[in-house]
Amino acid sequence: MSVLQDEWREGSNRFERSGEIQALATIHDEIAGIGASTQDFVDSSWLRMRRFYVRPAYRRRGVGRQIALYVLEHAKPFDRQIALYADGPEAEAFWPTLGFGPIEREDTTHVFCRGI
């Protein structure tokens, strides 16, 4: 989360461009997780799912899924391809459950395959 704070302060990532959003999940007034979509840095016509973090106490409770679904719903009207980089086995298992499939592309492991 400190990376997000640093990027916000320096102005490099404010989630202000077309299709971008940062979502925050809270449970009992406590931050449970965050997630975002930004303009893709490989192809600016695409969006990229990024900065997904769920606090350990809230993992395996559907928090990450709800954040991802919210971000995907936000992306619908923009009609842009959505990519991501799944870092690690848990992420590699998680994203296909939401409709992402593998792709051979620079700095990218998955692309959204279901119609948005």
C-alpha atoms as a PDB file:
ATOM      1  CA  MET A   1       0.000   0.000   0.000  1.00  0.00           C
ATOM      2  CA  SER A   2       2.973   2.274   0.538  1.00  0.00           C
ATOM      3  CA  VAL A   3       3.699   2.074  -3.213  1.00  0.00           C
ATOM      4  CA  LEU A   4       0.229   3.448  -3.946  1.00  0.00           C
ATOM      5  CA  GLN A   5       0.697   6.251  -1.432  1.00  0.00           C
ATOM      6  CA  ASP A   6       4.053   7.185  -2.958  1.00  0.00           C
ATOM      7  CA  GLU A   7       2.662   7.149  -6.504  1.00  0.00           C
ATOM      8  CA  TRP A   8      -0.279   9.319  -5.429  1.00  0.00           C
ATOM      9  CA  ARG A   9       1.953  11.860  -3.688  1.00  0.00           C
ATOM     10  CA  GLU A  10       4.355  12.153  -6.614  1.00  0.00           C
ATOM     11  CA  GLY A  11       1.449  12.348  -9.077  1.00  0.00           C
ATOM     12  CA  SER A  12       2.491   9.372 -11.200  1.00  0.00           C
ATOM     13  CA  ASN A  13      -0.708   7.437 -10.515  1.00  0.00           C
ATOM     14  CA  ARG A  14      -3.913   9.294  -9.716  1.00  0.00           C
ATOM     15  CA  PHE A  15      -6.455   7.062 -11.514  1.00  0.00           C
ATOM     16  CA  GLU A  16      -7.728  10.030 -13.541  1.00  0.00           C
ATOM     17  CA  ARG A  17      -7.398   8.782 -17.121  1.00  0.00           C
ATOM     18  CA  SER A  18     -10.253   7.259 -19.090  1.00  0.00           C
ATOM     19  CA  GLY A  19     -11.303   3.919 -17.595  1.00  0.00           C
ATOM     20  CA  GLU A  20      -9.066   4.139 -14.550  1.00  0.00           C
ATOM     21  CA  ILE A  21     -10.379   3.543 -11.053  1.00  0.00           C
ATOM     22  CA  GLN A  22      -9.119   2.672  -7.624  1.00  0.00           C
ATOM     23  CA  ALA A  23     -11.456   0.653  -5.413  1.00  0.00           C
ATOM     24  CA  LEU A  24     -11.317   0.190  -1.669  1.00  0.00           C
ATOM     25  CA  ALA A  25     -13.089  -2.520   0.329  1.00  0.00           C
ATOM     26  CA  THR A  26     -13.863  -2.001   3.992  1.00  0.00           C
ATOM     27  CA  ILE A  27     -15.255  -4.357   6.585  1.00  0.00           C
ATOM     28  CA  HIS A  28     -16.409  -2.899   9.904  1.00  0.00           C
ATOM     29  CA  ASP A  29     -14.689   0.416   9.044  1.00  0.00           C
ATOM     30  CA  GLU A  30     -11.347  -1.324   8.470  1.00  0.00           C
ATOM     31  CA  ILE A  31      -9.582  -1.408   5.108  1.00  0.00           C
ATOM     32  CA  ALA A  32      -9.809  -5.006   3.887  1.00  0.00           C
ATOM     33  CA  GLY A  33      -8.338  -4.582   0.406  1.00  0.00           C
ATOM     34  CA  ILE A  34      -7.750  -2.394  -2.615  1.00  0.00           C
ATOM     35  CA  GLY A  35      -7.515  -2.818  -6.350  1.00  0.00           C
ATOM     36  CA  ALA A  36      -7.345  -0.678  -9.442  1.00  0.00           C
ATOM     37  CA  SER A  37      -7.309  -0.414 -13.179  1.00  0.00           C
ATOM     38  CA  THR A  38      -4.949   1.936 -14.956  1.00  0.00           C
ATOM     39  CA  GLN A  39      -4.000   2.694 -18.496  1.00  0.00           C
ATOM     40  CA  ASP A  40      -1.833  -0.190 -19.694  1.00  0.00           C
ATOM     41  CA  PHE A  41       1.837   0.722 -20.035  1.00  0.00           C
ATOM     42  CA  VAL A  42       2.415  -1.676 -22.964  1.00  0.00           C
ATOM     43  CA  ASP A  43      -0.500  -0.387 -25.065  1.00  0.00           C
ATOM     44  CA  SER A  44      -2.293   2.769 -23.922  1.00  0.00           C
ATOM     45  CA  SER A  45      -5.529   1.672 -25.628  1.00  0.00           C
ATOM     46  CA  TRP A  46      -5.797  -1.163 -23.070  1.00  0.00           C
ATOM     47  CA  LEU A  47      -6.519  -1.093 -19.338  1.00  0.00           C
ATOM     48  CA  ARG A  48      -4.467  -2.999 -16.778  1.00  0.00           C
ATOM     49  CA  MET A  49      -5.674  -4.499 -13.511  1.00  0.00           C
ATOM     50  CA  ARG A  50      -3.105  -3.416 -10.924  1.00  0.00           C
ATOM     51  CA  ARG A  51      -2.327  -2.915  -7.280  1.00  0.00           C
ATOM     52  CA  PHE A  52      -4.594  -5.608  -5.880  1.00  0.00           C
ATOM     53  CA  TYR A  53      -3.929  -6.214  -2.209  1.00  0.00           C
ATOM     54  CA  VAL A  54      -6.073  -7.928   0.384  1.00  0.00           C
ATOM     55  CA  ARG A  55      -5.008  -7.787   4.009  1.00  0.00           C
ATOM     56  CA  PRO A  56      -4.129 -11.237   5.358  1.00  0.00           C
ATOM     57  CA  ALA A  57      -7.034 -11.254   7.840  1.00  0.00           C
ATOM     58  CA  TYR A  58      -9.502 -10.873   4.933  1.00  0.00           C
ATOM     59  CA  ARG A  59      -8.034 -13.296   2.406  1.00  0.00           C
ATOM     60  CA  ARG A  60     -10.133 -16.204   1.190  1.00  0.00           C
ATOM     61  CA  ARG A  61     -13.319 -14.340   2.126  1.00  0.00           C
ATOM     62  CA  GLY A  62     -14.242 -13.004  -1.327  1.00  0.00           C
ATOM     63  CA  VAL A  63     -12.828  -9.514  -0.814  1.00  0.00           C
ATOM     64  CA  GLY A  64     -10.433  -9.658  -3.769  1.00  0.00           C
ATOM     65  CA  ARG A  65     -13.138 -11.086  -6.005  1.00  0.00           C
ATOM     66  CA  GLN A  66     -15.600  -8.313  -5.103  1.00  0.00           C
ATOM     67  CA  ILE A  67     -12.992  -5.619  -5.731  1.00  0.00           C
ATOM     68  CA  ALA A  68     -12.057  -7.159  -9.091  1.00  0.00           C
ATOM     69  CA  LEU A  69     -15.710  -7.475 -10.146  1.00  0.00           C
ATOM     70  CA  TYR A  70     -16.326  -3.845  -9.200  1.00  0.00           C
ATOM     71  CA  VAL A  71     -13.322  -2.688 -11.242  1.00  0.00           C
ATOM     72  CA  LEU A  72     -14.379  -4.831 -14.217  1.00  0.00           C
ATOM     73  CA  GLU A  73     -17.915  -3.433 -14.041  1.00  0.00           C
ATOM     74  CA  HIS A  74     -16.467   0.091 -14.078  1.00  0.00           C
ATOM     75  CA  ALA A  75     -14.481  -0.806 -17.224  1.00  0.00           C
ATOM     76  CA  LYS A  76     -17.503  -1.981 -19.252  1.00  0.00           C
ATOM     77  CA  PRO A  77     -18.519   1.355 -20.807  1.00  0.00           C
ATOM     78  CA  PHE A  78     -14.958   2.047 -21.938  1.00  0.00           C
ATOM     79  CA  ASP A  79     -14.898  -1.065 -24.172  1.00  0.00           C
ATOM     80  CA  ARG A  80     -11.141  -1.590 -23.789  1.00  0.00           C
ATOM     81  CA  GLN A  81      -9.100  -4.765 -23.566  1.00  0.00           C
ATOM     82  CA  ILE A  82      -7.946  -5.519 -20.003  1.00  0.00           C
ATOM     83  CA  ALA A  83      -4.620  -7.116 -19.135  1.00  0.00           C
ATOM     84  CA  LEU A  84      -2.712  -7.956 -15.979  1.00  0.00           C
ATOM     85  CA  TYR A  85       0.450  -9.482 -14.626  1.00  0.00           C
ATOM     86  CA  ALA A  86      -0.252 -12.309 -12.169  1.00  0.00           C
ATOM     87  CA  ASP A  87       2.645 -12.447  -9.758  1.00  0.00           C
ATOM     88  CA  GLY A  88       2.760 -15.836  -8.091  1.00  0.00           C
ATOM     89  CA  PRO A  89       0.761 -19.047  -7.956  1.00  0.00           C
ATOM     90  CA  GLU A  90      -2.186 -17.654  -5.970  1.00  0.00           C
ATOM     91  CA  ALA A  91      -2.702 -14.809  -8.458  1.00  0.00           C
ATOM     92  CA  GLU A  92      -2.228 -17.183 -11.381  1.00  0.00           C
ATOM     93  CA  ALA A  93      -5.030 -19.358  -9.970  1.00  0.00           C
ATOM     94  CA  PHE A  94      -7.302 -16.441  -9.008  1.00  0.00           C
ATOM     95  CA  TRP A  95      -7.556 -14.402 -12.212  1.00  0.00           C
ATOM     96  CA  PRO A  96      -8.825 -17.221 -14.496  1.00  0.00           C
ATOM     97  CA  THR A  97     -11.818 -17.646 -12.155  1.00  0.00           C
ATOM     98  CA  LEU A  98     -12.885 -14.151 -13.238  1.00  0.00           C
ATOM     99  CA  GLY A  99     -12.523 -14.782 -16.966  1.00  0.00           C
ATOM    100  CA  PHE A 100      -8.858 -13.967 -17.575  1.00  0.00           C
ATOM    101  CA  GLY A 101      -6.813 -16.245 -19.806  1.00  0.00           C
ATOM    102  CA  PRO A 102      -3.083 -16.554 -20.459  1.00  0.00           C
ATOM    103  CA  ILE A 103      -1.443 -14.399 -23.097  1.00  0.00           C
ATOM    104  CA  GLU A 104       2.036 -14.146 -24.594  1.00  0.00           C
ATOM    105  CA  ARG A 105       2.708 -10.422 -24.258  1.00  0.00           C
ATOM    106  CA  GLU A 106       5.391  -8.231 -22.767  1.00  0.00           C
ATOM    107  CA  ASP A 107       4.982  -7.732 -18.979  1.00  0.00           C
ATOM    108  CA  THR A 108       1.587  -9.433 -19.139  1.00  0.00           C
ATOM    109  CA  THR A 109       0.388 -12.875 -18.106  1.00  0.00           C
ATOM    110  CA  HIS A 110      -3.392 -12.671 -18.607  1.00  0.00           C
ATOM    111  CA  VAL A 111      -6.030 -10.886 -20.655  1.00  0.00           C
ATOM    112  CA  PHE A 112      -9.758 -10.625 -19.972  1.00  0.00           C
ATOM    113  CA  CYS A 113     -11.543 -13.124 -22.214  1.00  0.00           C
ATOM    114  CA  ARG A 114     -15.191 -12.835 -21.185  1.00  0.00           C
ATOM    115  CA  GLY A 115     -17.261 -10.145 -22.859  1.00  0.00           C
ATOM    116  CA  ILE A 116     -17.275  -6.999 -20.767  1.00  0.00           C
END
